[in-house]
PDB file of N, CA and C in Angstrom:
ATOM      1  N   MET A   1     146.920-115.710-184.484  1.00  0.00           N
ATOM      2  CA  MET A   1     145.729-117.208-184.987  1.00  0.00           C
ATOM      3  C   MET A   1     145.420-116.471-186.224  1.00  0.00           C
ATOM      4  N   PRO A   2     145.319-117.596-187.073  1.00  0.00           N
ATOM      5  CA  PRO A   2     144.761-117.045-188.385  1.00  0.00           C
ATOM      6  C   PRO A   2     143.821-116.590-188.539  1.00  0.00           C
ATOM      7  N   ASN A   3     142.914-115.418-188.976  1.00  0.00           N
ATOM      8  CA  ASN A   3     141.842-114.871-189.519  1.00  0.00           C
ATOM      9  C   ASN A   3     140.972-116.104-190.476  1.00  0.00           C
ATOM     10  N   TRP A   4     139.620-116.517-189.403  1.00  0.00           N
ATOM     11  CA  TRP A   4     138.742-117.373-190.045  1.00  0.00           C
ATOM     12  C   TRP A   4     137.302-116.528-189.974  1.00  0.00           C
ATOM     13  N   THR A   5     136.606-116.632-191.064  1.00  0.00           N
ATOM     14  CA  THR A   5     135.205-116.341-190.708  1.00  0.00           C
ATOM     15  C   THR A   5     133.986-117.020-191.572  1.00  0.00           C
ATOM     16  N   TYR A   6     133.035-117.167-190.992  1.00  0.00           N
ATOM     17  CA  TYR A   6     131.566-117.510-191.472  1.00  0.00           C
ATOM     18  C   TYR A   6     130.955-116.922-191.392  1.00  0.00           C
ATOM     19  N   ALA A   7     130.131-116.335-192.408  1.00  0.00           N
ATOM     20  CA  ALA A   7     129.232-115.067-192.240  1.00  0.00           C
ATOM     21  C   ALA A   7     129.668-113.571-191.703  1.00  0.00           C
ATOM     22  N   GLY A   8     130.870-113.705-191.765  1.00  0.00           N
ATOM     23  CA  GLY A   8     131.383-112.481-191.264  1.00  0.00           C
ATOM     24  C   GLY A   8     131.529-112.462-189.518  1.00  0.00           C
ATOM     25  N   ARG A   9     131.231-113.740-189.025  1.00  0.00           N
ATOM     26  CA  ARG A   9     131.659-114.133-187.689  1.00  0.00           C
ATOM     27  C   ARG A   9     132.995-114.908-187.650  1.00  0.00           C
ATOM     28  N   ARG A  10     133.433-114.062-186.705  1.00  0.00           N
ATOM     29  CA  ARG A  10     135.104-114.816-186.312  1.00  0.00           C
ATOM     30  C   ARG A  10     135.007-116.056-185.532  1.00  0.00           C
ATOM     31  N   ILE A  11     135.860-116.903-186.354  1.00  0.00           N
ATOM     32  CA  ILE A  11     135.769-118.506-185.704  1.00  0.00           C
ATOM     33  C   ILE A  11     137.427-118.815-185.936  1.00  0.00           C
ATOM     34  N   TYR A  12     137.729-119.918-184.736  1.00  0.00           N
ATOM     35  CA  TYR A  12     139.188-120.288-184.779  1.00  0.00           C
ATOM     36  C   TYR A  12     139.053-121.427-185.084  1.00  0.00           C
ATOM     37  N   VAL A  13     139.725-121.766-186.367  1.00  0.00           N
ATOM     38  CA  VAL A  13     139.397-123.021-186.833  1.00  0.00           C
ATOM     39  C   VAL A  13     140.687-123.878-186.176  1.00  0.00           C
ATOM     40  N   GLN A  14     140.239-125.332-185.718  1.00  0.00           N
ATOM     41  CA  GLN A  14     141.196-125.911-185.018  1.00  0.00           C
ATOM     42  C   GLN A  14     141.388-127.571-186.245  1.00  0.00           C
ATOM     43  N   LYS A  15     140.068-127.321-186.924  1.00  0.00           N
ATOM     44  CA  LYS A  15     140.526-128.615-188.283  1.00  0.00           C
ATOM     45  C   LYS A  15     139.511-128.283-188.953  1.00  0.00           C
ATOM     46  N   ILE A  16     139.611-128.855-190.437  1.00  0.00           N
ATOM     47  CA  ILE A  16     138.673-128.767-191.467  1.00  0.00           C
ATOM     48  C   ILE A  16     138.830-129.470-192.318  1.00  0.00           C
ATOM     49  N   SER A  17     137.814-130.478-193.027  1.00  0.00           N
ATOM     50  CA  SER A  17     138.084-131.571-193.640  1.00  0.00           C
ATOM     51  C   SER A  17     136.585-131.543-194.716  1.00  0.00           C
ATOM     52  N   ASN A  18     137.313-131.870-195.804  1.00  0.00           N
ATOM     53  CA  ASN A  18     135.634-131.874-196.801  1.00  0.00           C
ATOM     54  C   ASN A  18     135.805-133.379-197.428  1.00  0.00           C
ATOM     55  N   ASP A  19     134.279-133.504-198.194  1.00  0.00           N
ATOM     56  CA  ASP A  19     134.487-134.950-198.778  1.00  0.00           C
ATOM     57  C   ASP A  19     133.701-134.700-199.643  1.00  0.00           C
ATOM     58  N   VAL A  20     133.571-135.344-200.722  1.00  0.00           N
ATOM     59  CA  VAL A  20     132.570-134.976-202.399  1.00  0.00           C
ATOM     60  C   VAL A  20     132.494-136.927-202.372  1.00  0.00           C
ATOM     61  N   LYS A  21     131.109-137.279-203.159  1.00  0.00           N
ATOM     62  CA  LYS A  21     130.488-138.066-203.266  1.00  0.00           C
ATOM     63  C   LYS A  21     130.006-138.565-204.414  1.00  0.00           C
ATOM     64  N   GLN A  22     129.935-139.674-205.309  1.00  0.00           N
ATOM     65  CA  GLN A  22     129.096-139.704-206.328  1.00  0.00           C
ATOM     66  C   GLN A  22     127.869-140.670-205.806  1.00  0.00           C
ATOM     67  N   ILE A  23     127.205-140.327-206.686  1.00  0.00           N
ATOM     68  CA  ILE A  23     125.870-140.995-206.462  1.00  0.00           C
ATOM     69  C   ILE A  23     125.664-142.350-207.310  1.00  0.00           C
ATOM     70  N   LEU A  24     125.966-143.610-206.776  1.00  0.00           N
ATOM     71  CA  LEU A  24     125.803-144.901-207.831  1.00  0.00           C
ATOM     72  C   LEU A  24     124.506-145.916-206.818  1.00  0.00           C
ATOM     73  N   ALA A  25     123.987-146.573-208.169  1.00  0.00           N
ATOM     74  CA  ALA A  25     122.840-147.388-207.984  1.00  0.00           C
ATOM     75  C   ALA A  25     123.506-148.745-208.084  1.00  0.00           C
ATOM     76  N   ALA A  26     123.552-149.561-207.182  1.00  0.00           N
ATOM     77  CA  ALA A  26     123.717-150.993-207.838  1.00  0.00           C
ATOM     78  C   ALA A  26     123.123-152.132-208.006  1.00  0.00           C
ATOM     79  N   LEU A  27     123.114-152.644-209.213  1.00  0.00           N
ATOM     80  CA  LEU A  27     122.004-153.615-209.308  1.00  0.00           C
ATOM     81  C   LEU A  27     122.644-155.159-209.493  1.00  0.00           C
ATOM     82  N   GLN A  28     121.617-155.905-208.921  1.00  0.00           N
ATOM     83  CA  GLN A  28     122.325-157.316-208.627  1.00  0.00           C
ATOM     84  C   GLN A  28     121.581-158.071-209.298  1.00  0.00           C
ATOM     85  N   PRO A  29     122.393-158.471-210.679  1.00  0.00           N
ATOM     86  CA  PRO A  29     121.442-159.422-211.536  1.00  0.00           C
ATOM     87  C   PRO A  29     121.542-160.808-211.002  1.00  0.00           C
ATOM     88  N   VAL A  30     120.417-161.816-211.243  1.00  0.00           N
ATOM     89  CA  VAL A  30     120.360-162.971-210.497  1.00  0.00           C
ATOM     90  C   VAL A  30     121.581-164.043-211.028  1.00  0.00           C
ATOM     91  N   ALA A  31     121.922-163.907-212.582  1.00  0.00           N
ATOM     92  CA  ALA A  31     123.133-164.815-212.819  1.00  0.00           C
ATOM     93  C   ALA A  31     124.017-163.461-213.751  1.00  0.00           C
ATOM     94  N   GLY A  32     125.278-163.242-212.982  1.00  0.00           N
ATOM     95  CA  GLY A  32     126.189-162.248-213.330  1.00  0.00           C
ATOM     96  C   GLY A  32     126.337-161.056-212.546  1.00  0.00           C
ATOM     97  N   PRO A  33     127.723-160.331-212.972  1.00  0.00           N
ATOM     98  CA  PRO A  33     128.178-159.488-212.226  1.00  0.00           C
ATOM     99  C   PRO A  33     127.308-158.254-211.172  1.00  0.00           C
ATOM    100  N   THR A  34     127.245-157.648-210.562  1.00  0.00           N
ATOM    101  CA  THR A  34     126.895-156.333-210.277  1.00  0.00           C
ATOM    102  C   THR A  34     127.137-155.420-211.427  1.00  0.00           C
ATOM    103  N   VAL A  35     126.203-154.757-211.341  1.00  0.00           N
ATOM    104  CA  VAL A  35     125.748-153.436-212.654  1.00  0.00           C
ATOM    105  C   VAL A  35     125.877-152.471-212.126  1.00  0.00           C
ATOM    106  N   TYR A  36     127.145-151.270-211.909  1.00  0.00           N
ATOM    107  CA  TYR A  36     126.595-150.156-211.699  1.00  0.00           C
ATOM    108  C   TYR A  36     126.234-148.787-212.815  1.00  0.00           C
ATOM    109  N   GLN A  37     125.302-147.854-211.910  1.00  0.00           N
ATOM    110  CA  GLN A  37     124.690-147.305-212.765  1.00  0.00           C
ATOM    111  C   GLN A  37     125.030-145.451-211.997  1.00  0.00           C
ATOM    112  N   THR A  38     125.430-144.597-212.665  1.00  0.00           N
ATOM    113  CA  THR A  38     125.481-143.537-212.069  1.00  0.00           C
ATOM    114  C   THR A  38     124.392-142.329-212.131  1.00  0.00           C
ATOM    115  N   PHE A  39     124.080-141.753-211.119  1.00  0.00           N
ATOM    116  CA  PHE A  39     123.318-140.992-211.092  1.00  0.00           C
ATOM    117  C   PHE A  39     123.652-139.042-210.746  1.00  0.00           C
ATOM    118  N   GLY A  40     124.995-138.980-210.988  1.00  0.00           N
ATOM    119  CA  GLY A  40     125.229-137.869-210.585  1.00  0.00           C
ATOM    120  C   GLY A  40     126.382-137.960-209.361  1.00  0.00           C
ATOM    121  N   TYR A  41     126.745-136.585-208.952  1.00  0.00           N
ATOM    122  CA  TYR A  41     127.451-136.290-207.562  1.00  0.00           C
ATOM    123  C   TYR A  41     126.673-135.682-206.676  1.00  0.00           C
ATOM    124  N   GLU A  42     127.392-135.130-205.209  1.00  0.00           N
ATOM    125  CA  GLU A  42     126.743-134.570-204.539  1.00  0.00           C
ATOM    126  C   GLU A  42     127.755-133.179-204.443  1.00  0.00           C
ATOM    127  N   THR A  43     127.224-132.194-204.033  1.00  0.00           N
ATOM    128  CA  THR A  43     127.989-130.718-203.811  1.00  0.00           C
ATOM    129  C   THR A  43     129.233-131.155-202.633  1.00  0.00           C
ATOM    130  N   ALA A  44     130.030-130.955-202.814  1.00  0.00           N
ATOM    131  CA  ALA A  44     131.285-131.094-201.643  1.00  0.00           C
ATOM    132  C   ALA A  44     131.019-130.376-200.053  1.00  0.00           C
ATOM    133  N   LYS A  45     130.777-131.373-199.287  1.00  0.00           N
ATOM    134  CA  LYS A  45     130.547-131.188-197.639  1.00  0.00           C
ATOM    135  C   LYS A  45     132.056-130.922-197.128  1.00  0.00           C
ATOM    136  N   TYR A  46     131.967-129.800-196.322  1.00  0.00           N
ATOM    137  CA  TYR A  46     132.830-129.866-195.390  1.00  0.00           C
ATOM    138  C   TYR A  46     132.404-129.319-193.833  1.00  0.00           C
ATOM    139  N   LYS A  47     133.477-129.982-193.101  1.00  0.00           N
ATOM    140  CA  LYS A  47     133.305-130.049-191.670  1.00  0.00           C
ATOM    141  C   LYS A  47     134.301-129.297-191.169  1.00  0.00           C
ATOM    142  N   VAL A  48     133.850-128.247-190.227  1.00  0.00           N
ATOM    143  CA  VAL A  48     134.878-127.476-189.608  1.00  0.00           C
ATOM    144  C   VAL A  48     134.776-127.515-188.189  1.00  0.00           C
ATOM    145  N   ASN A  49     135.657-127.592-187.506  1.00  0.00           N
ATOM    146  CA  ASN A  49     136.068-127.789-186.084  1.00  0.00           C
ATOM    147  C   ASN A  49     136.427-126.416-185.479  1.00  0.00           C
ATOM    148  N   ALA A  50     135.939-125.233-184.389  1.00  0.00           N
ATOM    149  CA  ALA A  50     136.515-124.246-184.355  1.00  0.00           C
ATOM    150  C   ALA A  50     135.709-123.793-182.886  1.00  0.00           C
ATOM    151  N   LEU A  51     136.215-122.747-182.498  1.00  0.00           N
ATOM    152  CA  LEU A  51     136.146-122.126-181.557  1.00  0.00           C
ATOM    153  C   LEU A  51     135.647-120.883-181.823  1.00  0.00           C
ATOM    154  N   VAL A  52     134.560-120.739-181.109  1.00  0.00           N
ATOM    155  CA  VAL A  52     133.876-119.346-180.956  1.00  0.00           C
ATOM    156  C   VAL A  52     133.715-118.754-179.604  1.00  0.00           C
ATOM    157  N   VAL A  53     133.763-117.262-179.531  1.00  0.00           N
ATOM    158  CA  VAL A  53     133.969-116.711-178.287  1.00  0.00           C
ATOM    159  C   VAL A  53     133.201-116.046-178.189  1.00  0.00           C
ATOM    160  N   GLY A  54     132.286-116.001-177.345  1.00  0.00           N
ATOM    161  CA  GLY A  54     131.087-115.064-176.942  1.00  0.00           C
ATOM    162  C   GLY A  54     130.133-115.567-177.388  1.00  0.00           C
ATOM    163  N   SER A  55     128.614-115.477-176.309  1.00  0.00           N
ATOM    164  CA  SER A  55     127.373-115.702-176.828  1.00  0.00           C
ATOM    165  C   SER A  55     126.819-114.793-177.953  1.00  0.00           C
ATOM    166  N   GLY A  56     127.030-113.815-178.207  1.00  0.00           N
ATOM    167  CA  GLY A  56     126.478-113.268-179.526  1.00  0.00           C
ATOM    168  C   GLY A  56     127.184-113.735-180.410  1.00  0.00           C
ATOM    169  N   ASP A  57     128.449-114.060-180.776  1.00  0.00           N
ATOM    170  CA  ASP A  57     128.766-114.832-182.201  1.00  0.00           C
ATOM    171  C   ASP A  57     128.063-116.271-181.924  1.00  0.00           C
ATOM    172  N   LYS A  58     128.185-117.239-180.664  1.00  0.00           N
ATOM    173  CA  LYS A  58     127.351-118.234-180.602  1.00  0.00           C
ATOM    174  C   LYS A  58     126.005-118.298-181.218  1.00  0.00           C
ATOM    175  N   ALA A  59     125.044-116.946-180.662  1.00  0.00           N
ATOM    176  CA  ALA A  59     123.754-116.725-181.287  1.00  0.00           C
ATOM    177  C   ALA A  59     123.508-116.628-182.970  1.00  0.00           C
ATOM    178  N   SER A  60     124.338-115.581-183.265  1.00  0.00           N
ATOM    179  CA  SER A  60     124.331-115.261-184.843  1.00  0.00           C
ATOM    180  C   SER A  60     124.736-116.576-185.444  1.00  0.00           C
ATOM    181  N   LEU A  61     125.443-117.178-185.285  1.00  0.00           N
ATOM    182  CA  LEU A  61     126.265-118.818-186.039  1.00  0.00           C
ATOM    183  C   LEU A  61     124.870-119.454-186.106  1.00  0.00           C
ATOM    184  N   GLU A  62     124.152-119.479-184.584  1.00  0.00           N
ATOM    185  CA  GLU A  62     122.934-120.383-184.563  1.00  0.00           C
ATOM    186  C   GLU A  62     121.781-120.094-185.274  1.00  0.00           C
ATOM    187  N   ALA A  63     121.780-118.589-185.807  1.00  0.00           N
ATOM    188  CA  ALA A  63     120.563-118.241-186.392  1.00  0.00           C
ATOM    189  C   ALA A  63     120.891-118.236-188.191  1.00  0.00           C
ATOM    190  N   LEU A  64     121.980-118.678-188.688  1.00  0.00           N
ATOM    191  CA  LEU A  64     122.312-118.949-189.787  1.00  0.00           C
ATOM    192  C   LEU A  64     121.482-120.133-190.424  1.00  0.00           C
ATOM    193  N   THR A  65     121.155-121.221-189.308  1.00  0.00           N
ATOM    194  CA  THR A  65     120.499-122.604-190.164  1.00  0.00           C
ATOM    195  C   THR A  65     119.086-121.874-190.270  1.00  0.00           C
ATOM    196  N   THR A  66     118.618-121.427-190.173  1.00  0.00           N
ATOM    197  CA  THR A  66     117.219-120.949-190.439  1.00  0.00           C
ATOM    198  C   THR A  66     116.958-119.678-191.602  1.00  0.00           C
ATOM    199  N   SER A  67     118.006-119.655-192.483  1.00  0.00           N
ATOM    200  CA  SER A  67     118.223-118.341-193.309  1.00  0.00           C
ATOM    201  C   SER A  67     117.896-119.047-194.437  1.00  0.00           C
ATOM    202  N   GLY A  68     118.461-120.228-194.878  1.00  0.00           N
ATOM    203  CA  GLY A  68     118.165-121.025-196.301  1.00  0.00           C
ATOM    204  C   GLY A  68     118.813-120.628-197.306  1.00  0.00           C
ATOM    205  N   THR A  69     120.029-119.429-196.923  1.00  0.00           N
ATOM    206  CA  THR A  69     120.623-118.741-197.549  1.00  0.00           C
ATOM    207  C   THR A  69     122.085-119.576-197.371  1.00  0.00           C
ATOM    208  N   THR A  70     123.063-119.251-198.502  1.00  0.00           N
ATOM    209  CA  THR A  70     124.340-119.429-198.429  1.00  0.00           C
ATOM    210  C   THR A  70     125.572-118.094-197.848  1.00  0.00           C
ATOM    211  N   PHE A  71     126.410-118.629-197.669  1.00  0.00           N
ATOM    212  CA  PHE A  71     127.154-117.680-196.798  1.00  0.00           C
ATOM    213  C   PHE A  71     128.443-117.950-196.785  1.00  0.00           C
ATOM    214  N   GLU A  72     129.624-116.898-197.005  1.00  0.00           N
ATOM    215  CA  GLU A  72     130.965-117.131-197.226  1.00  0.00           C
ATOM    216  C   GLU A  72     131.982-117.350-195.751  1.00  0.00           C
ATOM    217  N   LEU A  73     132.497-118.898-196.422  1.00  0.00           N
ATOM    218  CA  LEU A  73     133.917-118.987-195.715  1.00  0.00           C
ATOM    219  C   LEU A  73     135.116-118.527-196.035  1.00  0.00           C
ATOM    220  N   MET A  74     135.494-117.728-194.960  1.00  0.00           N
ATOM    221  CA  MET A  74     137.217-117.198-195.448  1.00  0.00           C
ATOM    222  C   MET A  74     137.906-117.899-195.012  1.00  0.00           C
ATOM    223  N   SER A  75     139.103-117.919-195.269  1.00  0.00           N
ATOM    224  CA  SER A  75     140.270-118.648-194.573  1.00  0.00           C
ATOM    225  C   SER A  75     141.630-117.785-194.975  1.00  0.00           C
ATOM    226  N   PRO A  76     142.401-117.640-193.915  1.00  0.00           N
ATOM    227  CA  PRO A  76     143.600-116.575-194.420  1.00  0.00           C
ATOM    228  C   PRO A  76     144.302-116.490-195.673  1.00  0.00           C
ATOM    229  N   ASP A  77     143.709-117.740-196.504  1.00  0.00           N
ATOM    230  CA  ASP A  77     143.928-117.498-198.289  1.00  0.00           C
ATOM    231  C   ASP A  77     142.579-116.781-198.729  1.00  0.00           C
ATOM    232  N   GLY A  78     141.994-116.404-198.416  1.00  0.00           N
ATOM    233  CA  GLY A  78     141.104-116.090-199.292  1.00  0.00           C
ATOM    234  C   GLY A  78     139.535-116.704-199.033  1.00  0.00           C
ATOM    235  N   SER A  79     138.688-116.676-199.916  1.00  0.00           N
ATOM    236  CA  SER A  79     137.425-117.325-199.961  1.00  0.00           C
ATOM    237  C   SER A  79     137.413-118.584-199.923  1.00  0.00           C
ATOM    238  N   LEU A  80     136.762-119.661-199.514  1.00  0.00           N
ATOM    239  CA  LEU A  80     136.563-121.166-199.827  1.00  0.00           C
ATOM    240  C   LEU A  80     135.420-121.342-200.596  1.00  0.00           C
ATOM    241  N   GLY A  81     134.737-120.124-200.541  1.00  0.00           N
ATOM    242  CA  GLY A  81     133.513-120.411-201.526  1.00  0.00           C
ATOM    243  C   GLY A  81     132.182-119.946-200.606  1.00  0.00           C
ATOM    244  N   TYR A  82     130.916-120.345-201.312  1.00  0.00           N
ATOM    245  CA  TYR A  82     129.695-120.101-200.473  1.00  0.00           C
ATOM    246  C   TYR A  82     129.134-121.592-200.423  1.00  0.00           C
ATOM    247  N   PHE A  83     128.473-121.261-198.548  1.00  0.00           N
ATOM    248  CA  PHE A  83     128.309-122.728-198.151  1.00  0.00           C
ATOM    249  C   PHE A  83     126.692-122.703-197.147  1.00  0.00           C
ATOM    250  N   TYR A  84     125.887-123.813-197.882  1.00  0.00           N
ATOM    251  CA  TYR A  84     124.813-123.599-196.666  1.00  0.00           C
ATOM    252  C   TYR A  84     124.922-124.000-195.273  1.00  0.00           C
ATOM    253  N   PRO A  85     124.821-123.576-193.831  1.00  0.00           N
ATOM    254  CA  PRO A  85     124.911-124.355-192.695  1.00  0.00           C
ATOM    255  C   PRO A  85     124.092-125.246-192.714  1.00  0.00           C
ATOM    256  N   VAL A  86     124.439-126.744-192.591  1.00  0.00           N
ATOM    257  CA  VAL A  86     123.489-127.517-192.509  1.00  0.00           C
ATOM    258  C   VAL A  86     123.285-127.930-190.596  1.00  0.00           C
ATOM    259  N   SER A  87     124.552-127.786-190.354  1.00  0.00           N
ATOM    260  CA  SER A  87     124.356-127.992-188.734  1.00  0.00           C
ATOM    261  C   SER A  87     125.290-127.634-188.033  1.00  0.00           C
ATOM    262  N   LEU A  88     125.116-127.196-186.789  1.00  0.00           N
ATOM    263  CA  LEU A  88     125.799-126.783-185.731  1.00  0.00           C
ATOM    264  C   LEU A  88     126.218-127.204-184.920  1.00  0.00           C
ATOM    265  N   THR A  89     126.719-127.822-184.016  1.00  0.00           N
ATOM    266  CA  THR A  89     126.623-128.128-182.828  1.00  0.00           C
ATOM    267  C   THR A  89     127.847-127.590-181.689  1.00  0.00           C
ATOM    268  N   PHE A  90     127.438-126.924-180.486  1.00  0.00           N
ATOM    269  CA  PHE A  90     128.379-126.063-179.654  1.00  0.00           C
ATOM    270  C   PHE A  90     128.500-127.201-178.284  1.00  0.00           C
ATOM    271  N   ASP A  91     129.436-126.952-178.237  1.00  0.00           N
ATOM    272  CA  ASP A  91     129.998-127.510-176.361  1.00  0.00           C
ATOM    273  C   ASP A  91     130.780-125.985-175.882  1.00  0.00           C
ATOM    274  N   ARG A  92     129.889-125.637-174.583  1.00  0.00           N
ATOM    275  CA  ARG A  92     130.465-124.364-174.098  1.00  0.00           C
ATOM    276  C   ARG A  92     131.801-125.408-172.738  1.00  0.00           C
ATOM    277  N   GLN A  93     133.176-124.772-172.810  1.00  0.00           N
ATOM    278  CA  GLN A  93     134.189-124.933-172.443  1.00  0.00           C
ATOM    279  C   GLN A  93     134.306-124.630-170.958  1.00  0.00           C
ATOM    280  N   ARG A  94     134.727-125.022-169.888  1.00  0.00           N
ATOM    281  CA  ARG A  94     134.856-124.738-168.834  1.00  0.00           C
ATOM    282  C   ARG A  94     136.327-124.180-168.411  1.00  0.00           C
ATOM    283  N   ILE A  95     135.878-123.041-169.033  1.00  0.00           N
ATOM    284  CA  ILE A  95     137.337-121.957-169.018  1.00  0.00           C
ATOM    285  C   ILE A  95     136.730-120.582-168.345  1.00  0.00           C
ATOM    286  N   LEU A  96     137.480-120.074-167.183  1.00  0.00           N
ATOM    287  CA  LEU A  96     137.470-119.111-166.812  1.00  0.00           C
ATOM    288  C   LEU A  96     137.783-118.063-167.340  1.00  0.00           C
ATOM    289  N   THR A  97     139.145-117.910-167.705  1.00  0.00           N
ATOM    290  CA  THR A  97     139.512-116.647-168.593  1.00  0.00           C
ATOM    291  C   THR A  97     140.287-117.279-169.587  1.00  0.00           C
ATOM    292  N   HIS A  98     140.799-116.345-170.917  1.00  0.00           N
ATOM    293  CA  HIS A  98     141.456-116.807-171.832  1.00  0.00           C
ATOM    294  C   HIS A  98     142.312-115.595-172.657  1.00  0.00           C
ATOM    295  N   THR A  99     142.827-115.602-173.597  1.00  0.00           N
ATOM    296  CA  THR A  99     143.438-115.031-174.255  1.00  0.00           C
ATOM    297  C   THR A  99     143.052-114.645-175.824  1.00  0.00           C
ATOM    298  N   ILE A 100     142.085-115.104-176.257  1.00  0.00           N
ATOM    299  CA  ILE A 100     141.670-115.527-177.647  1.00  0.00           C
ATOM    300  C   ILE A 100     141.424-114.051-178.244  1.00  0.00           C
ATOM    301  N   THR A 101     140.505-113.396-177.456  1.00  0.00           N
ATOM    302  CA  THR A 101     140.212-111.879-177.730  1.00  0.00           C
ATOM    303  C   THR A 101     140.288-110.980-176.562  1.00  0.00           C
ATOM    304  N   PRO A 102     140.437-109.928-176.481  1.00  0.00           N
ATOM    305  CA  PRO A 102     140.262-108.951-175.668  1.00  0.00           C
ATOM    306  C   PRO A 102     139.609-108.909-174.343  1.00  0.00           C
ATOM    307  N   ASN A 103     138.257-109.199-174.366  1.00  0.00           N
ATOM    308  CA  ASN A 103     137.744-109.190-173.352  1.00  0.00           C
ATOM    309  C   ASN A 103     137.597-110.898-172.914  1.00  0.00           C
ATOM    310  N   CYS A 104     138.791-111.397-171.979  1.00  0.00           N
ATOM    311  CA  CYS A 104     139.310-112.271-171.697  1.00  0.00           C
ATOM    312  C   CYS A 104     137.706-113.497-170.576  1.00  0.00           C
ATOM    313  N   TYR A 105     136.837-112.735-170.272  1.00  0.00           N
ATOM    314  CA  TYR A 105     136.134-113.710-169.838  1.00  0.00           C
ATOM    315  C   TYR A 105     134.734-113.841-170.435  1.00  0.00           C
ATOM    316  N   ASP A 106     134.458-113.615-171.541  1.00  0.00           N
ATOM    317  CA  ASP A 106     133.530-114.423-172.633  1.00  0.00           C
ATOM    318  C   ASP A 106     133.465-115.653-172.224  1.00  0.00           C
ATOM    319  N   PRO A 107     132.819-116.348-172.957  1.00  0.00           N
ATOM    320  CA  PRO A 107     132.320-118.076-172.846  1.00  0.00           C
ATOM    321  C   PRO A 107     133.223-118.488-174.293  1.00  0.00           C
ATOM    322  N   VAL A 108     133.854-119.187-174.005  1.00  0.00           N
ATOM    323  CA  VAL A 108     134.093-119.862-175.310  1.00  0.00           C
ATOM    324  C   VAL A 108     133.744-121.564-175.551  1.00  0.00           C
ATOM    325  N   TYR A 109     133.390-121.584-177.044  1.00  0.00           N
ATOM    326  CA  TYR A 109     132.410-122.706-177.344  1.00  0.00           C
ATOM    327  C   TYR A 109     133.235-123.497-178.239  1.00  0.00           C
ATOM    328  N   ILE A 110     133.261-124.811-178.476  1.00  0.00           N
ATOM    329  CA  ILE A 110     133.942-125.399-179.505  1.00  0.00           C
ATOM    330  C   ILE A 110     132.374-125.786-180.135  1.00  0.00           C
ATOM    331  N   VAL A 111     132.484-125.155-181.743  1.00  0.00           N
ATOM    332  CA  VAL A 111     131.714-125.746-182.786  1.00  0.00           C
ATOM    333  C   VAL A 111     131.899-126.807-183.394  1.00  0.00           C
ATOM    334  N   ASP A 112     131.096-127.572-184.237  1.00  0.00           N
ATOM    335  CA  ASP A 112     130.953-128.569-185.044  1.00  0.00           C
ATOM    336  C   ASP A 112     130.217-128.195-185.945  1.00  0.00           C
ATOM    337  N   ILE A 113     130.995-127.387-187.374  1.00  0.00           N
ATOM    338  CA  ILE A 113     130.006-127.031-188.476  1.00  0.00           C
ATOM    339  C   ILE A 113     129.838-127.920-189.627  1.00  0.00           C
ATOM    340  N   GLU A 114     128.771-128.513-190.208  1.00  0.00           N
ATOM    341  CA  GLU A 114     128.543-128.792-191.651  1.00  0.00           C
ATOM    342  C   GLU A 114     128.026-128.320-192.400  1.00  0.00           C
ATOM    343  N   LEU A 115     129.037-128.153-193.344  1.00  0.00           N
ATOM    344  CA  LEU A 115     128.727-126.673-194.421  1.00  0.00           C
ATOM    345  C   LEU A 115     128.176-127.956-195.810  1.00  0.00           C
ATOM    346  N   ASP A 116     127.437-127.516-196.280  1.00  0.00           N
ATOM    347  CA  ASP A 116     126.948-128.011-197.801  1.00  0.00           C
ATOM    348  C   ASP A 116     127.562-126.661-199.275  1.00  0.00           C
ATOM    349  N   LYS A 117     128.809-126.980-200.096  1.00  0.00           N
ATOM    350  CA  LYS A 117     129.038-126.485-200.914  1.00  0.00           C
ATOM    351  C   LYS A 117     127.751-125.778-201.977  1.00  0.00           C
ATOM    352  N   TYR A 118     127.553-124.534-201.996  1.00  0.00           N
ATOM    353  CA  TYR A 118     127.017-124.150-202.852  1.00  0.00           C
ATOM    354  C   TYR A 118     127.554-124.332-204.324  1.00  0.00           C
ATOM    355  N   PRO A 119     126.906-125.146-205.285  1.00  0.00           N
ATOM    356  CA  PRO A 119     127.312-125.593-206.689  1.00  0.00           C
ATOM    357  C   PRO A 119     127.880-123.964-207.458  1.00  0.00           C
TER     358      PRO A 119
END
């Protein structure tokens, strides 16, 4: 499996997606077409679905959401940049053993991570 890390913690990415948005305000005049005003744009948001092995890595990833700082997301192709951790949602899997890491009795979690790109 390729090596992915976020804040130095190994994650096994299953799916990653991102989106960018422009901030628009729409004015609806009584007589005439809609008028749009641009107010800038939001930074890119990434959504990562990954496996996390072990309660220690799970706890250290959870702690990132209280830091207020950015962390680097590394892919097999190199750095994707620095991101704020917005939210992490963990689901423990009903797995007795696995072959992901050498200690095959560690719990396995599926995590959905929402990341906000640092400008």
